[in-house]
Amino acid sequence: MATRDVIVDAAARVLRERGLANATTKEIAREAGFSEATLYKHFRDKLELMVVVLHERGPQFIPMLQSLPARAGTAPVRDILTELAEVCIVFYRDGLPMFASIFSDPAILAAHRDRLRTQNLGPHRANEGLAAYLRAEQALGNISADADPEALAGLVLGSCFQHAFITYFTPVAPDDHTAAAGFVSQLRL
């Protein structure tokens, strides 16, 4: 495995366990089995490393969002949305420790926003990607003409985030598939 990938895997473990604010590059490098200097040969800083972890080690959430418009008309809308919701729940749950660290420090949040802006990325891209898919399904007649794709995207992604958040607090939350299928089934498509 390439050095960069080993570092990203180690960062994913450390950041998910400790959050961004409580993880150090020294600790990440040690977890990867390299020096901090090696880490800095591949990444500018801990924040860049966190963004890479979210994008490259997220459970296929971003690639799935990117592929959604091409999937329009290939399967029932509810099936695709349920599949997306399951992946999204895992992404949000794995990311919550990092998200909490970002929002707890205004300087980190500002740096993260700036970094995402320069890469034309950010959480709004998930909503936009899902809404684009829903508009494509709407154009095919698979979703009601009076449905609001942007609102539906917000409802699906918001429900996923809420479920991921709740599972941190209660061991009796429904499993991810049951939750995803449940809130997708309630959508008025």
C-alpha atoms as a PDB file:
ATOM      1  CA  MET A   1       0.000   0.000   0.000  1.00  0.00           C
ATOM      2  CA  ALA A   2       1.302   3.476  -0.855  1.00  0.00           C
ATOM      3  CA  THR A   3       2.558   5.704   1.970  1.00  0.00           C
ATOM      4  CA  ARG A   4      -0.154   8.288   1.290  1.00  0.00           C
ATOM      5  CA  ASP A   5      -2.905   5.650   1.614  1.00  0.00           C
ATOM      6  CA  VAL A   6      -1.446   4.300   4.855  1.00  0.00           C
ATOM      7  CA  ILE A   7      -1.455   7.847   6.274  1.00  0.00           C
ATOM      8  CA  VAL A   8      -5.047   8.472   5.146  1.00  0.00           C
ATOM      9  CA  ASP A   9      -6.211   5.193   6.703  1.00  0.00           C
ATOM     10  CA  ALA A  10      -4.442   6.035   9.973  1.00  0.00           C
ATOM     11  CA  ALA A  11      -5.908   9.544   9.935  1.00  0.00           C
ATOM     12  CA  ALA A  12      -9.396   8.115   9.415  1.00  0.00           C
ATOM     13  CA  ARG A  13      -9.028   5.907  12.492  1.00  0.00           C
ATOM     14  CA  VAL A  14      -7.566   8.655  14.696  1.00  0.00           C
ATOM     15  CA  LEU A  15      -9.952  11.401  13.541  1.00  0.00           C
ATOM     16  CA  ARG A  16     -13.015   9.201  13.974  1.00  0.00           C
ATOM     17  CA  GLU A  17     -11.937   8.152  17.457  1.00  0.00           C
ATOM     18  CA  ARG A  18     -10.743  11.499  18.735  1.00  0.00           C
ATOM     19  CA  GLY A  19     -12.168  14.205  16.465  1.00  0.00           C
ATOM     20  CA  LEU A  20     -10.152  16.846  14.664  1.00  0.00           C
ATOM     21  CA  ALA A  21      -9.466  19.065  17.673  1.00  0.00           C
ATOM     22  CA  ASN A  22      -8.114  16.220  19.811  1.00  0.00           C
ATOM     23  CA  ALA A  23      -6.014  14.487  17.155  1.00  0.00           C
ATOM     24  CA  THR A  24      -2.472  15.570  16.353  1.00  0.00           C
ATOM     25  CA  THR A  25      -0.403  15.049  13.231  1.00  0.00           C
ATOM     26  CA  LYS A  26       2.186  13.378  15.442  1.00  0.00           C
ATOM     27  CA  GLU A  27      -0.408  10.872  16.647  1.00  0.00           C
ATOM     28  CA  ILE A  28      -1.628  10.257  13.079  1.00  0.00           C
ATOM     29  CA  ALA A  29       1.940   9.726  11.854  1.00  0.00           C
ATOM     30  CA  ARG A  30       2.636   7.324  14.733  1.00  0.00           C
ATOM     31  CA  GLU A  31      -0.568   5.384  13.958  1.00  0.00           C
ATOM     32  CA  ALA A  32       0.569   5.145  10.319  1.00  0.00           C
ATOM     33  CA  GLY A  33       4.057   4.026  11.315  1.00  0.00           C
ATOM     34  CA  PHE A  34       5.785   7.052   9.783  1.00  0.00           C
ATOM     35  CA  SER A  35       7.406  10.252  10.950  1.00  0.00           C
ATOM     36  CA  GLU A  36       5.550  13.538  11.013  1.00  0.00           C
ATOM     37  CA  ALA A  37       7.892  14.724   8.245  1.00  0.00           C
ATOM     38  CA  THR A  38       6.567  11.944   6.010  1.00  0.00           C
ATOM     39  CA  LEU A  39       3.007  13.030   6.745  1.00  0.00           C
ATOM     40  CA  TYR A  40       3.863  16.614   5.739  1.00  0.00           C
ATOM     41  CA  LYS A  41       5.364  15.426   2.447  1.00  0.00           C
ATOM     42  CA  HIS A  42       1.871  14.337   1.438  1.00  0.00           C
ATOM     43  CA  PHE A  43      -0.405  16.823   3.250  1.00  0.00           C
ATOM     44  CA  ARG A  44      -0.155  20.520   4.149  1.00  0.00           C
ATOM     45  CA  ASP A  45      -1.827  20.119   7.517  1.00  0.00           C
ATOM     46  CA  LYS A  46      -4.320  18.200   9.620  1.00  0.00           C
ATOM     47  CA  LEU A  47      -7.258  20.019   8.044  1.00  0.00           C
ATOM     48  CA  GLU A  48      -6.288  18.959   4.524  1.00  0.00           C
ATOM     49  CA  LEU A  49      -5.881  15.416   5.797  1.00  0.00           C
ATOM     50  CA  MET A  50      -9.376  15.499   7.330  1.00  0.00           C
ATOM     51  CA  VAL A  51     -10.899  16.676   4.030  1.00  0.00           C
ATOM     52  CA  VAL A  52      -9.113  13.831   2.223  1.00  0.00           C
ATOM     53  CA  VAL A  53     -10.412  11.341   4.807  1.00  0.00           C
ATOM     54  CA  LEU A  54     -13.984  12.559   4.296  1.00  0.00           C
ATOM     55  CA  HIS A  55     -13.693  12.351   0.520  1.00  0.00           C
ATOM     56  CA  GLU A  56     -11.607   9.241   0.067  1.00  0.00           C
ATOM     57  CA  ARG A  57     -12.608   7.117   3.039  1.00  0.00           C
ATOM     58  CA  GLY A  58     -16.256   8.045   3.269  1.00  0.00           C
ATOM     59  CA  PRO A  59     -18.352   4.950   2.574  1.00  0.00           C
ATOM     60  CA  GLN A  60     -18.859   5.696  -1.109  1.00  0.00           C
ATOM     61  CA  PHE A  61     -21.117   8.648  -0.284  1.00  0.00           C
ATOM     62  CA  ILE A  62     -19.442  11.175  -2.559  1.00  0.00           C
ATOM     63  CA  PRO A  63     -18.921   8.774  -5.499  1.00  0.00           C
ATOM     64  CA  MET A  64     -22.532   7.674  -5.164  1.00  0.00           C
ATOM     65  CA  LEU A  65     -23.773  11.262  -5.203  1.00  0.00           C
ATOM     66  CA  GLN A  66     -21.683  11.954  -8.285  1.00  0.00           C
ATOM     67  CA  SER A  67     -23.138   8.933 -10.091  1.00  0.00           C
ATOM     68  CA  LEU A  68     -26.777   9.623  -9.188  1.00  0.00           C
ATOM     69  CA  PRO A  69     -27.849  11.681 -12.233  1.00  0.00           C
ATOM     70  CA  ALA A  70     -26.681   8.875 -14.565  1.00  0.00           C
ATOM     71  CA  ARG A  71     -28.772   6.390 -12.562  1.00  0.00           C
ATOM     72  CA  ALA A  72     -32.041   8.179 -13.313  1.00  0.00           C
ATOM     73  CA  GLY A  73     -34.518   5.716 -14.787  1.00  0.00           C
ATOM     74  CA  THR A  74     -32.382   2.648 -14.033  1.00  0.00           C
ATOM     75  CA  ALA A  75     -34.219   1.458 -10.912  1.00  0.00           C
ATOM     76  CA  PRO A  76     -37.172   2.503  -8.773  1.00  0.00           C
ATOM     77  CA  VAL A  77     -36.549   5.935  -7.228  1.00  0.00           C
ATOM     78  CA  ARG A  78     -37.294   4.692  -3.708  1.00  0.00           C
ATOM     79  CA  ASP A  79     -34.725   1.895  -4.080  1.00  0.00           C
ATOM     80  CA  ILE A  80     -32.017   4.311  -5.177  1.00  0.00           C
ATOM     81  CA  LEU A  81     -32.907   6.777  -2.423  1.00  0.00           C
ATOM     82  CA  THR A  82     -32.859   4.010   0.196  1.00  0.00           C
ATOM     83  CA  GLU A  83     -29.439   2.863  -1.013  1.00  0.00           C
ATOM     84  CA  LEU A  84     -28.169   6.451  -0.895  1.00  0.00           C
ATOM     85  CA  ALA A  85     -29.671   7.003   2.558  1.00  0.00           C
ATOM     86  CA  GLU A  86     -27.914   3.930   3.988  1.00  0.00           C
ATOM     87  CA  VAL A  87     -24.551   5.092   2.645  1.00  0.00           C
ATOM     88  CA  CYS A  88     -25.252   8.646   3.796  1.00  0.00           C
ATOM     89  CA  ILE A  89     -26.082   7.547   7.351  1.00  0.00           C
ATOM     90  CA  VAL A  90     -22.748   5.750   7.671  1.00  0.00           C
ATOM     91  CA  PHE A  91     -20.899   8.754   6.210  1.00  0.00           C
ATOM     92  CA  TYR A  92     -22.540  11.138   8.674  1.00  0.00           C
ATOM     93  CA  ARG A  93     -22.067   8.813  11.643  1.00  0.00           C
ATOM     94  CA  ASP A  94     -18.383   8.252  10.847  1.00  0.00           C
ATOM     95  CA  GLY A  95     -17.910  11.971  10.246  1.00  0.00           C
ATOM     96  CA  LEU A  96     -19.682  13.308  13.344  1.00  0.00           C
ATOM     97  CA  PRO A  97     -16.554  13.380  15.552  1.00  0.00           C
ATOM     98  CA  MET A  98     -14.763  15.404  12.873  1.00  0.00           C
ATOM     99  CA  PHE A  99     -17.755  17.658  12.207  1.00  0.00           C
ATOM    100  CA  ALA A 100     -18.081  18.422  15.921  1.00  0.00           C
ATOM    101  CA  SER A 101     -14.428  19.458  16.052  1.00  0.00           C
ATOM    102  CA  ILE A 102     -14.805  21.698  13.032  1.00  0.00           C
ATOM    103  CA  PHE A 103     -17.835  23.513  14.423  1.00  0.00           C
ATOM    104  CA  SER A 104     -16.364  23.863  17.900  1.00  0.00           C
ATOM    105  CA  ASP A 105     -13.530  26.111  16.728  1.00  0.00           C
ATOM    106  CA  PRO A 106     -14.320  29.222  14.624  1.00  0.00           C
ATOM    107  CA  ALA A 107     -10.784  29.311  13.195  1.00  0.00           C
ATOM    108  CA  ILE A 108     -10.958  25.671  12.076  1.00  0.00           C
ATOM    109  CA  LEU A 109     -14.428  26.220  10.632  1.00  0.00           C
ATOM    110  CA  ALA A 110     -13.259  29.272   8.666  1.00  0.00           C
ATOM    111  CA  ALA A 111     -10.201  27.414   7.358  1.00  0.00           C
ATOM    112  CA  HIS A 112     -12.335  24.424   6.420  1.00  0.00           C
ATOM    113  CA  ARG A 113     -14.865  26.634   4.602  1.00  0.00           C
ATOM    114  CA  ASP A 114     -12.072  28.387   2.712  1.00  0.00           C
ATOM    115  CA  ARG A 115     -10.458  25.111   1.714  1.00  0.00           C
ATOM    116  CA  LEU A 116     -13.748  23.670   0.501  1.00  0.00           C
ATOM    117  CA  ARG A 117     -14.607  26.864  -1.372  1.00  0.00           C
ATOM    118  CA  THR A 118     -11.316  26.784  -3.311  1.00  0.00           C
ATOM    119  CA  GLN A 119     -12.089  23.181  -4.319  1.00  0.00           C
ATOM    120  CA  ASN A 120     -15.723  23.991  -5.151  1.00  0.00           C
ATOM    121  CA  LEU A 121     -16.832  21.529  -2.479  1.00  0.00           C
ATOM    122  CA  GLY A 122     -19.012  21.626   0.606  1.00  0.00           C
ATOM    123  CA  PRO A 123     -22.059  20.027   2.190  1.00  0.00           C
ATOM    124  CA  HIS A 124     -24.376  21.926  -0.144  1.00  0.00           C
ATOM    125  CA  ARG A 125     -22.965  19.818  -3.011  1.00  0.00           C
ATOM    126  CA  ALA A 126     -24.708  16.754  -1.555  1.00  0.00           C
ATOM    127  CA  ASN A 127     -28.059  18.535  -1.710  1.00  0.00           C
ATOM    128  CA  GLU A 128     -27.338  19.778  -5.231  1.00  0.00           C
ATOM    129  CA  GLY A 129     -26.322  16.305  -6.451  1.00  0.00           C
ATOM    130  CA  LEU A 130     -29.383  14.632  -4.995  1.00  0.00           C
ATOM    131  CA  ALA A 131     -31.685  17.376  -6.302  1.00  0.00           C
ATOM    132  CA  ALA A 132     -30.160  16.972  -9.812  1.00  0.00           C
ATOM    133  CA  TYR A 133     -30.916  13.249  -9.683  1.00  0.00           C
ATOM    134  CA  LEU A 134     -34.475  13.911  -8.525  1.00  0.00           C
ATOM    135  CA  ARG A 135     -34.989  16.479 -11.317  1.00  0.00           C
ATOM    136  CA  ALA A 136     -33.782  13.875 -13.836  1.00  0.00           C
ATOM    137  CA  GLU A 137     -36.280  11.360 -12.438  1.00  0.00           C
ATOM    138  CA  GLN A 138     -38.956  14.042 -12.570  1.00  0.00           C
ATOM    139  CA  ALA A 139     -38.171  14.700 -16.256  1.00  0.00           C
ATOM    140  CA  LEU A 140     -38.642  10.960 -16.900  1.00  0.00           C
ATOM    141  CA  GLY A 141     -42.040  11.065 -15.190  1.00  0.00           C
ATOM    142  CA  ASN A 142     -40.893   8.928 -12.249  1.00  0.00           C
ATOM    143  CA  ILE A 143     -41.569  11.700  -9.745  1.00  0.00           C
ATOM    144  CA  SER A 144     -44.637  13.906  -9.620  1.00  0.00           C
ATOM    145  CA  ALA A 145     -44.341  17.112 -11.648  1.00  0.00           C
ATOM    146  CA  ASP A 146     -45.322  19.146  -8.584  1.00  0.00           C
ATOM    147  CA  ALA A 147     -42.676  17.571  -6.319  1.00  0.00           C
ATOM    148  CA  ASP A 148     -39.887  19.901  -5.149  1.00  0.00           C
ATOM    149  CA  PRO A 149     -36.524  18.172  -5.788  1.00  0.00           C
ATOM    150  CA  GLU A 150     -34.591  20.582  -3.548  1.00  0.00           C
ATOM    151  CA  ALA A 151     -36.981  20.041  -0.637  1.00  0.00           C
ATOM    152  CA  LEU A 152     -36.925  16.270  -1.147  1.00  0.00           C
ATOM    153  CA  ALA A 153     -33.121  16.283  -1.183  1.00  0.00           C
ATOM    154  CA  GLY A 154     -33.085  18.256   2.062  1.00  0.00           C
ATOM    155  CA  LEU A 155     -35.567  15.871   3.670  1.00  0.00           C
ATOM    156  CA  VAL A 156     -33.581  12.763   2.715  1.00  0.00           C
ATOM    157  CA  LEU A 157     -30.175  14.118   3.719  1.00  0.00           C
ATOM    158  CA  GLY A 158     -31.523  15.784   6.862  1.00  0.00           C
ATOM    159  CA  SER A 159     -33.197  12.545   7.946  1.00  0.00           C
ATOM    160  CA  CYS A 160     -29.927  10.679   7.395  1.00  0.00           C
ATOM    161  CA  PHE A 161     -28.007  13.164   9.518  1.00  0.00           C
ATOM    162  CA  GLN A 162     -30.657  13.035  12.254  1.00  0.00           C
ATOM    163  CA  HIS A 163     -30.577   9.218  12.335  1.00  0.00           C
ATOM    164  CA  ALA A 164     -26.759   9.185  12.484  1.00  0.00           C
ATOM    165  CA  PHE A 165     -26.839  11.713  15.320  1.00  0.00           C
ATOM    166  CA  ILE A 166     -29.489   9.813  17.275  1.00  0.00           C
ATOM    167  CA  THR A 167     -27.583   6.528  17.056  1.00  0.00           C
ATOM    168  CA  TYR A 168     -24.830   8.123  19.137  1.00  0.00           C
ATOM    169  CA  PHE A 169     -27.319   8.574  21.967  1.00  0.00           C
ATOM    170  CA  THR A 170     -29.530   5.543  21.929  1.00  0.00           C
ATOM    171  CA  PRO A 171     -28.693   1.880  21.461  1.00  0.00           C
ATOM    172  CA  VAL A 172     -32.300   1.147  20.466  1.00  0.00           C
ATOM    173  CA  ALA A 173     -32.333   3.197  17.272  1.00  0.00           C
ATOM    174  CA  PRO A 174     -33.462   1.195  14.245  1.00  0.00           C
ATOM    175  CA  ASP A 175     -30.753  -0.284  12.053  1.00  0.00           C
ATOM    176  CA  ASP A 176     -29.605   1.872   9.154  1.00  0.00           C
ATOM    177  CA  HIS A 177     -31.546   0.023   6.449  1.00  0.00           C
ATOM    178  CA  THR A 178     -34.801   0.088   8.410  1.00  0.00           C
ATOM    179  CA  ALA A 179     -34.371   3.791   9.157  1.00  0.00           C
ATOM    180  CA  ALA A 180     -33.438   4.644   5.557  1.00  0.00           C
ATOM    181  CA  ALA A 181     -36.311   2.658   4.081  1.00  0.00           C
ATOM    182  CA  GLY A 182     -38.678   4.160   6.640  1.00  0.00           C
ATOM    183  CA  PHE A 183     -38.049   7.791   5.890  1.00  0.00           C
ATOM    184  CA  VAL A 184     -37.755   7.244   2.130  1.00  0.00           C
ATOM    185  CA  SER A 185     -41.128   5.476   2.146  1.00  0.00           C
ATOM    186  CA  GLN A 186     -42.727   8.572   3.668  1.00  0.00           C
ATOM    187  CA  LEU A 187     -41.619  10.895   0.857  1.00  0.00           C
ATOM    188  CA  ARG A 188     -44.310  12.137  -1.482  1.00  0.00           C
ATOM    189  CA  LEU A 189     -42.690  11.481  -4.826  1.00  0.00           C
END
